[in-house]
Protein backbone atom coordinates (compact mmCIF):
# COMPACT_ATOMS: atom_id res chain seq x y z
CA MET A 1 101.07 76.82 99.45
CA SER A 2 104.07 74.57 99.47
CA GLU A 3 105.67 76.42 102.36
CA SER A 4 104.39 76.68 105.90
CA LEU A 5 103.19 80.14 106.72
CA ASN A 6 102.30 81.82 110.01
CA PHE A 7 99.41 84.31 109.98
CA ALA A 8 98.26 87.15 112.17
CA VAL A 9 94.93 88.88 111.96
CA LEU A 10 94.82 92.34 113.66
CA GLY A 11 91.20 92.99 114.55
CA SER A 12 88.47 91.14 116.31
CA GLY A 13 85.36 92.57 114.58
CA ASN A 14 83.14 90.98 111.94
CA GLY A 15 85.83 90.86 109.28
CA GLY A 16 88.70 90.04 111.61
CA ARG A 17 87.02 87.02 113.10
CA ALA A 18 85.88 85.91 109.64
CA PHE A 19 89.45 86.04 108.40
CA CYS A 20 90.59 83.99 111.42
CA GLY A 21 88.06 81.28 110.63
CA GLN A 22 89.01 81.32 106.92
CA ILE A 23 92.69 80.91 107.63
CA ALA A 24 92.20 78.34 110.37
CA ALA A 25 90.08 76.23 108.02
CA LYS A 26 93.10 75.92 105.75
CA GLY A 27 95.15 74.55 108.66
CA TYR A 28 97.54 77.45 108.89
CA PRO A 29 98.69 78.80 112.31
CA VAL A 30 96.80 82.03 112.90
CA ILE A 31 96.77 84.42 115.90
CA MET A 32 93.92 86.85 116.40
CA TYR A 33 94.95 90.23 117.97
CA GLU A 34 92.30 91.94 120.08
CA PRO A 35 93.01 95.70 119.87
CA LEU A 36 90.50 97.06 122.32
CA GLU A 37 89.69 95.45 125.69
CA GLU A 38 89.49 92.17 127.52
CA THR A 39 85.84 91.31 126.85
CA ALA A 40 84.00 88.15 127.73
CA ASP A 41 84.18 87.13 124.07
CA TYR A 42 87.91 87.62 124.13
CA LEU A 43 88.35 85.49 127.20
CA LYS A 44 86.28 82.67 125.71
CA LEU A 45 88.15 82.80 122.46
CA ARG A 46 91.52 82.84 124.15
CA GLU A 47 90.58 79.69 126.08
CA GLU A 48 88.80 77.78 123.30
CA LYS A 49 90.81 78.98 120.26
CA GLN A 50 88.21 78.18 117.63
CA MET A 51 86.44 80.19 114.95
CA LEU A 52 83.66 79.23 112.62
CA LEU A 53 81.97 80.71 109.64
CA SER A 54 78.32 79.92 108.69
CA GLY A 55 75.98 80.94 105.89
CA ASP A 56 77.41 81.45 102.40
CA ILE A 57 80.74 80.01 103.55
CA SER A 58 80.65 77.22 106.16
CA VAL A 59 84.18 76.45 107.40
CA GLY A 60 86.17 76.85 110.56
CA GLY A 61 89.19 75.66 112.53
CA ASN A 62 91.44 76.07 115.51
CA LEU A 63 93.39 79.21 116.16
CA ARG A 64 96.99 79.24 117.19
CA GLY A 65 96.22 81.89 119.74
CA VAL A 66 94.19 84.94 120.76
CA THR A 67 96.15 87.79 122.32
CA MET A 68 96.28 91.49 123.20
CA ASP A 69 100.10 91.38 122.89
CA MET A 70 101.20 92.72 119.49
CA ARG A 71 104.65 91.14 119.75
CA GLU A 72 103.06 87.75 120.22
CA ALA A 73 100.68 88.33 117.34
CA VAL A 74 103.08 89.53 114.63
CA GLY A 75 106.59 88.60 115.84
CA ASP A 76 106.92 85.43 113.78
CA ALA A 77 104.05 86.06 111.35
CA ASP A 78 104.75 85.82 107.69
CA VAL A 79 101.44 87.37 106.66
CA ILE A 80 99.63 90.04 108.60
CA TYR A 81 96.05 90.97 107.80
CA VAL A 82 94.97 94.30 109.29
CA VAL A 83 91.14 94.08 109.39
CA VAL A 84 89.84 97.10 111.34
CA PRO A 85 87.94 100.32 110.50
CA SER A 86 89.99 103.17 109.06
CA PHE A 87 89.95 105.17 112.30
CA ALA A 88 91.79 102.27 113.99
CA HIS A 89 94.62 102.29 111.52
CA PRO A 90 96.89 104.74 113.31
CA PRO A 91 96.92 103.00 116.78
CA ILE A 92 97.18 99.54 115.23
CA ILE A 93 99.98 100.52 112.87
CA SER A 94 101.83 102.34 115.64
CA LYS A 95 101.86 99.19 117.83
CA MET A 96 102.72 96.94 114.86
CA ILE A 97 105.68 98.86 113.44
CA PRO A 98 108.31 98.03 116.18
CA HIS A 99 107.75 94.32 115.52
CA LEU A 100 107.92 94.26 111.72
CA ARG A 101 110.82 92.40 110.07
CA ASP A 102 112.04 91.86 106.53
CA GLY A 103 110.01 89.64 104.30
CA GLN A 104 106.61 90.07 105.94
CA HIS A 105 103.46 90.82 103.97
CA VAL A 106 101.06 93.33 105.50
CA ILE A 107 97.59 93.31 103.87
CA ILE A 108 95.09 96.00 104.94
CA VAL A 109 91.46 95.07 104.44
CA PRO A 110 90.03 97.32 103.20
CA GLY A 111 92.86 99.59 102.19
CA ASN A 112 91.24 102.97 102.81
CA TYR A 113 94.61 104.73 102.37
CA GLY A 114 96.13 102.57 105.12
CA GLY A 115 99.03 101.61 102.86
CA PHE A 116 100.18 105.21 102.51
CA LEU A 117 99.70 105.74 106.22
CA LEU A 118 101.82 102.69 107.05
CA LYS A 119 104.61 103.94 104.79
CA LYS A 120 104.60 107.39 106.41
CA MET A 121 104.46 105.97 109.92
CA MET A 122 107.37 103.59 109.24
CA ASP A 123 109.38 106.49 107.92
CA ASP A 124 108.52 108.62 110.96
CA ALA A 125 109.54 105.73 113.25
CA GLY A 126 112.74 105.09 111.41
CA SER A 127 111.69 101.56 110.51
CA ARG A 128 113.67 99.99 107.70
CA ALA A 129 111.84 96.67 107.54
CA GLN A 130 111.61 95.50 103.96
CA ILE A 131 107.95 94.42 103.75
CA SER A 132 105.20 94.38 101.15
CA ILE A 133 102.10 96.44 101.74
CA SER A 134 98.78 95.49 100.17
CA GLY A 135 95.24 96.72 100.24
CA THR A 136 91.85 95.49 99.07
CA ALA A 137 88.97 97.69 97.92
CA THR A 138 86.60 96.21 100.48
CA LEU A 139 85.96 93.18 102.67
CA PRO A 140 85.59 89.84 100.81
CA TYR A 141 82.09 89.35 102.20
CA ALA A 142 79.10 90.88 103.81
CA CYS A 143 79.21 89.41 107.33
CA ARG A 144 78.19 89.86 110.95
CA ILE A 145 79.29 88.21 114.21
CA SER A 146 76.38 85.84 115.21
CA HIS A 147 78.04 84.24 118.20
CA TYR A 148 81.37 84.89 119.97
CA ASN A 149 83.07 82.20 117.91
CA THR A 150 80.90 82.30 114.79
CA VAL A 151 80.57 84.80 111.97
CA MET A 152 77.53 84.75 109.61
CA ILE A 153 78.58 85.19 106.05
CA TYR A 154 75.49 86.70 104.36
CA LYS A 155 77.05 86.62 100.98
CA LYS A 156 80.61 86.20 99.68
CA LYS A 157 82.06 88.12 96.83
CA PHE A 158 83.01 86.16 93.72
CA GLN A 159 86.09 88.33 92.92
CA LEU A 160 87.95 91.07 94.73
CA LYS A 161 90.83 93.30 93.66
CA ILE A 162 94.04 93.58 95.67
CA ALA A 163 97.06 95.75 95.02
CA THR A 164 100.59 95.55 96.42
CA SER A 165 103.57 97.83 96.87
CA PRO A 166 106.18 97.07 95.69
CA SER A 167 104.48 95.62 92.62
CA GLU A 168 107.11 92.85 92.42
CA ALA A 169 105.49 91.21 95.42
CA SER A 170 101.95 91.37 93.93
CA GLN A 171 101.79 87.81 92.60
CA THR A 172 103.15 86.35 95.88
CA VAL A 173 100.46 88.16 97.84
CA ILE A 174 97.75 87.16 95.45
CA ASP A 175 98.84 83.52 95.61
CA ILE A 176 98.82 83.49 99.39
CA THR A 177 95.41 85.08 99.67
CA ASN A 178 93.88 82.92 96.96
CA ASP A 179 95.14 79.88 98.77
CA VAL A 180 93.47 81.00 101.97
CA PHE A 181 90.21 81.67 100.18
CA ASP A 182 90.49 78.79 97.72
CA GLY A 183 87.08 77.58 96.54
CA HIS A 184 85.22 80.61 97.85
CA ILE A 185 86.62 83.96 96.61
CA LYS A 186 89.08 84.82 93.84
CA PHE A 187 91.51 87.71 94.34
CA ILE A 188 92.77 89.52 91.24
CA ALA A 189 95.38 92.20 90.70
CA GLY A 190 94.47 95.80 91.03
CA SER A 191 96.71 98.43 89.33
CA ASN A 192 98.04 100.14 92.48
CA LEU A 193 97.18 101.14 96.08
CA LEU A 194 95.72 104.45 95.09
CA ALA A 195 93.28 102.96 92.55
CA ILE A 196 92.25 100.31 95.18
CA ASP A 197 91.60 103.08 97.75
CA LEU A 198 89.47 105.11 95.38
CA ASP A 199 87.56 102.04 94.25
CA ASN A 200 85.91 101.38 97.64
CA VAL A 201 82.16 100.99 96.86
CA ASN A 202 81.32 102.35 100.33
CA TYR A 203 82.12 105.76 98.95
CA THR A 204 78.99 105.59 96.86
CA LEU A 205 76.75 103.18 98.72
CA HIS A 206 76.87 104.60 102.29
CA PRO A 207 76.45 108.43 102.69
CA PHE A 208 73.45 109.49 100.68
CA PRO A 209 70.96 106.78 101.77
CA LEU A 210 71.75 107.89 105.32
CA LEU A 211 71.91 111.69 104.81
CA LEU A 212 68.76 111.79 102.68
CA ASN A 213 66.78 109.73 105.27
CA TYR A 214 68.24 111.40 108.28
CA GLY A 215 65.00 112.09 110.11
CA ASP A 216 63.56 108.61 109.58
CA ILE A 217 66.80 106.95 110.68
CA GLU A 218 66.95 109.19 113.78
CA LYS A 219 63.46 107.99 114.74
CA ASN A 220 63.99 104.34 113.83
CA PRO A 221 67.70 103.58 114.18
CA ASP A 222 67.31 99.91 115.06
CA THR A 223 64.96 98.96 112.31
CA PHE A 224 65.78 101.21 109.36
CA ARG A 225 67.20 99.14 106.54
CA HIS A 226 69.96 101.11 104.91
CA TYR A 227 69.54 99.62 101.45
CA MET A 228 65.95 98.41 101.32
CA ASP A 229 64.47 101.49 102.98
CA GLY A 230 67.22 104.02 102.21
CA VAL A 231 67.86 103.54 98.51
CA THR A 232 64.85 104.90 96.53
CA PRO A 233 64.88 105.65 92.79
CA LEU A 234 65.65 109.33 93.34
CA ILE A 235 68.34 108.69 95.98
CA SER A 236 69.77 106.08 93.66
CA HIS A 237 70.09 108.76 91.03
CA GLN A 238 72.05 111.00 93.39
CA MET A 239 74.33 108.09 94.27
CA LYS A 240 75.07 107.68 90.56
CA LYS A 241 76.15 111.33 90.44
CA MET A 242 78.49 110.70 93.35
CA ASP A 243 79.96 107.68 91.64
CA ASP A 244 80.37 109.46 88.28
CA GLU A 245 82.30 112.19 90.08
CA ARG A 246 84.55 109.53 91.79
CA LEU A 247 85.28 108.06 88.33
CA SER A 248 86.17 111.58 87.06
CA ILE A 249 88.59 112.04 89.92
CA GLY A 250 90.28 108.74 89.02
CA LYS A 251 90.50 109.80 85.35
CA ALA A 252 92.07 113.11 86.32
CA LEU A 253 94.65 111.14 88.29
CA GLY A 254 95.35 108.82 85.37
CA LEU A 255 93.64 105.85 87.03
CA ASP A 256 91.21 103.44 85.45
CA LEU A 257 88.58 102.95 88.14
CA MET A 258 85.52 100.68 88.05
CA SER A 259 82.04 101.99 88.46
CA THR A 260 80.33 100.95 91.73
CA MET A 261 77.62 99.14 89.64
CA ASP A 262 80.25 97.13 87.78
CA GLN A 263 81.94 96.25 91.03
CA LEU A 264 78.60 95.11 92.57
CA LYS A 265 78.02 92.79 89.62
CA MET A 266 81.61 91.50 89.80
CA TYR A 267 81.25 90.92 93.56
CA TYR A 268 77.76 89.43 93.89
CA GLY A 269 76.51 88.43 90.41
CA GLN A 270 75.59 89.80 87.04
CA ASN A 271 72.02 90.89 86.31
CA GLU A 272 70.16 93.41 84.22
CA ALA A 273 70.01 96.13 86.93
CA GLN A 274 70.81 99.59 85.66
CA THR A 275 70.47 101.48 88.96
CA TYR A 276 71.47 100.97 92.58
CA TYR A 277 67.79 100.80 93.43
CA GLU A 278 67.30 97.93 91.04
CA TYR A 279 70.42 96.10 92.19
CA VAL A 280 69.77 96.29 95.90
CA ASN A 281 66.25 94.90 95.27
CA SER A 282 67.52 92.09 93.05
CA ASP A 283 68.10 88.44 93.92
CA GLU A 284 71.89 89.04 93.77
CA SER A 285 71.88 91.70 96.46
CA PRO A 286 73.50 90.75 99.80
CA TYR A 287 72.09 93.84 101.58
CA LYS A 288 68.43 93.02 102.34
CA ASP A 289 68.88 92.35 106.10
CA ILE A 290 71.31 95.14 107.01
CA VAL A 291 69.77 97.31 109.68
CA GLY A 292 70.77 99.40 112.66
CA HIS A 293 73.07 102.02 111.15
CA ASN A 294 72.10 105.18 113.06
CA VAL A 295 72.83 108.75 112.10
CA ARG A 296 76.26 108.58 113.66
CA SER A 297 77.24 105.16 112.29
CA ARG A 298 80.49 104.38 110.56
CA TYR A 299 78.64 104.87 107.22
CA ILE A 300 79.31 108.55 108.00
CA THR A 301 81.91 108.72 110.71
CA GLU A 302 84.33 106.39 108.87
CA ASP A 303 83.49 106.65 105.21
CA VAL A 304 83.16 110.45 104.85
CA PRO A 305 86.40 111.52 106.59
CA CYS A 306 88.40 108.48 105.36
CA LEU A 307 87.14 108.13 101.77
CA HIS A 308 85.59 111.41 100.64
CA VAL A 309 88.06 113.87 102.27
CA PRO A 310 91.23 112.31 100.57
CA ALA A 311 89.36 112.02 97.27
CA ILE A 312 88.43 115.70 97.35
CA GLU A 313 92.00 116.72 98.04
CA LEU A 314 93.27 114.47 95.24
CA ALA A 315 90.72 116.08 92.95
CA HIS A 316 91.93 119.55 93.81
CA LEU A 317 95.53 118.45 93.30
CA ALA A 318 94.56 117.18 89.85
CA GLY A 319 92.94 120.53 89.07
CA ILE A 320 89.28 119.47 89.12
CA LYS A 321 86.34 120.20 91.42
CA ALA A 322 84.32 117.58 93.38
CA PRO A 323 81.08 119.40 94.26
CA VAL A 324 79.05 116.30 95.18
CA ALA A 325 81.67 114.95 97.58
CA GLU A 326 82.29 118.46 98.95
CA LEU A 327 78.55 118.86 99.67
CA CYS A 328 78.56 115.50 101.40
CA VAL A 329 81.46 116.46 103.65
CA LYS A 330 79.95 119.87 104.49
CA LEU A 331 76.51 118.41 105.32
CA CYS A 332 77.96 115.66 107.51
CA SER A 333 80.20 118.15 109.23
CA MET A 334 77.24 120.46 109.99
CA LEU A 335 74.97 117.60 111.23
CA HIS A 336 77.70 116.08 113.45
CA ASP A 337 79.35 119.37 114.56
CA VAL A 338 82.67 117.99 113.37
CA ASP A 339 84.99 119.48 110.76
CA TYR A 340 85.46 116.31 108.77
CA ALA A 341 87.52 118.14 106.12
CA SER A 342 90.31 118.84 108.67
CA GLU A 343 89.70 115.88 111.00
CA GLY A 344 89.62 113.35 108.15
CA THR A 345 92.32 111.58 106.17
CA THR A 346 94.09 114.47 104.59
CA LEU A 347 96.96 114.08 102.19
CA ALA A 348 99.25 115.70 104.76
CA LYS A 349 98.40 113.03 107.30
CA LEU A 350 99.30 110.37 104.78
CA GLY A 351 102.70 111.92 104.04
CA LEU A 352 101.51 113.15 100.66
CA GLY A 353 101.24 116.83 101.36
CA GLY A 354 103.14 118.96 98.86
CA LYS A 355 103.58 116.08 96.40
CA SER A 356 102.41 116.12 92.77
CA VAL A 357 99.96 113.69 91.25
CA SER A 358 102.72 111.82 89.51
CA GLU A 359 104.73 111.53 92.73
CA ILE A 360 101.69 110.14 94.59
CA VAL A 361 100.90 107.62 91.88
CA ALA A 362 104.53 106.53 91.81
CA MET A 363 104.35 105.86 95.56
CA ALA A 364 101.31 103.60 95.09
């Protein structure tokens, strides 16, 4: 970019630290915001101010700072990446809003309806900051923290969709993000925030391999491989039903969504795989080493309430049923003794209650 930009990354998990290393490698000033507690990792990072990526992407650089002070993190940031799980969106956004100012770009990774939530919370707080709000369908890579200042990138995605509201700011945000990830990952324009939120592949890839292997995972939570052990030919078939239903919801809303299989091939490489079982066992799959997701992992506790619940409500609003997603929510609710349908990301919580499909799409 020809202009000098200041960056903030809100989040210190796998994705947040990876973003910090990616931005620092480009030489941009970047501050990492720690949202939780003053851990030993945090103290080391605050002192050393360095973040590295290894594996499929090997880069790194020096951070401008590491802080638990939101004002310090975002006060003079031009670009703010929010890289936290969906359940952390409300507290992060609440702390961020008072410090927003005109001209900033807030990019939520992955979106998971965080863009709608940010708009509602800004309205509720009386914030009039003129900002752009963007979201991606997923993280740009499969990654895990391997050391306090190092993130292992198991496999990067080749391309990733990003959408922005207002749409006039879309190209600016794409240019900024492509500059940060230049030579590694290409970001392309998605149609709108709602399409991006509904196109999260975790919707299809996460619940059924866990639910349909519940007993085995409960006995072997540390060694069960979600994809290699959890995705069988029959379970793969049920995942396809879930994905077909997701595409039908999108069609009822007037959105042109991508199948999860097409997204996997766009992200990680084309091959002849026809089923999820075939793809996760292919050379292109990034998922072979992923273990340790127990029966109460975020594959349920985040994805079901934050992805399936709003999709079901959108389906009902559009006048169609979503029996596969509804079964998933009911089963998870029963197993976890939690009413995910009411505790999850409802349209009312996003400020979309009582609105029509056309009004919601217009807001995206």
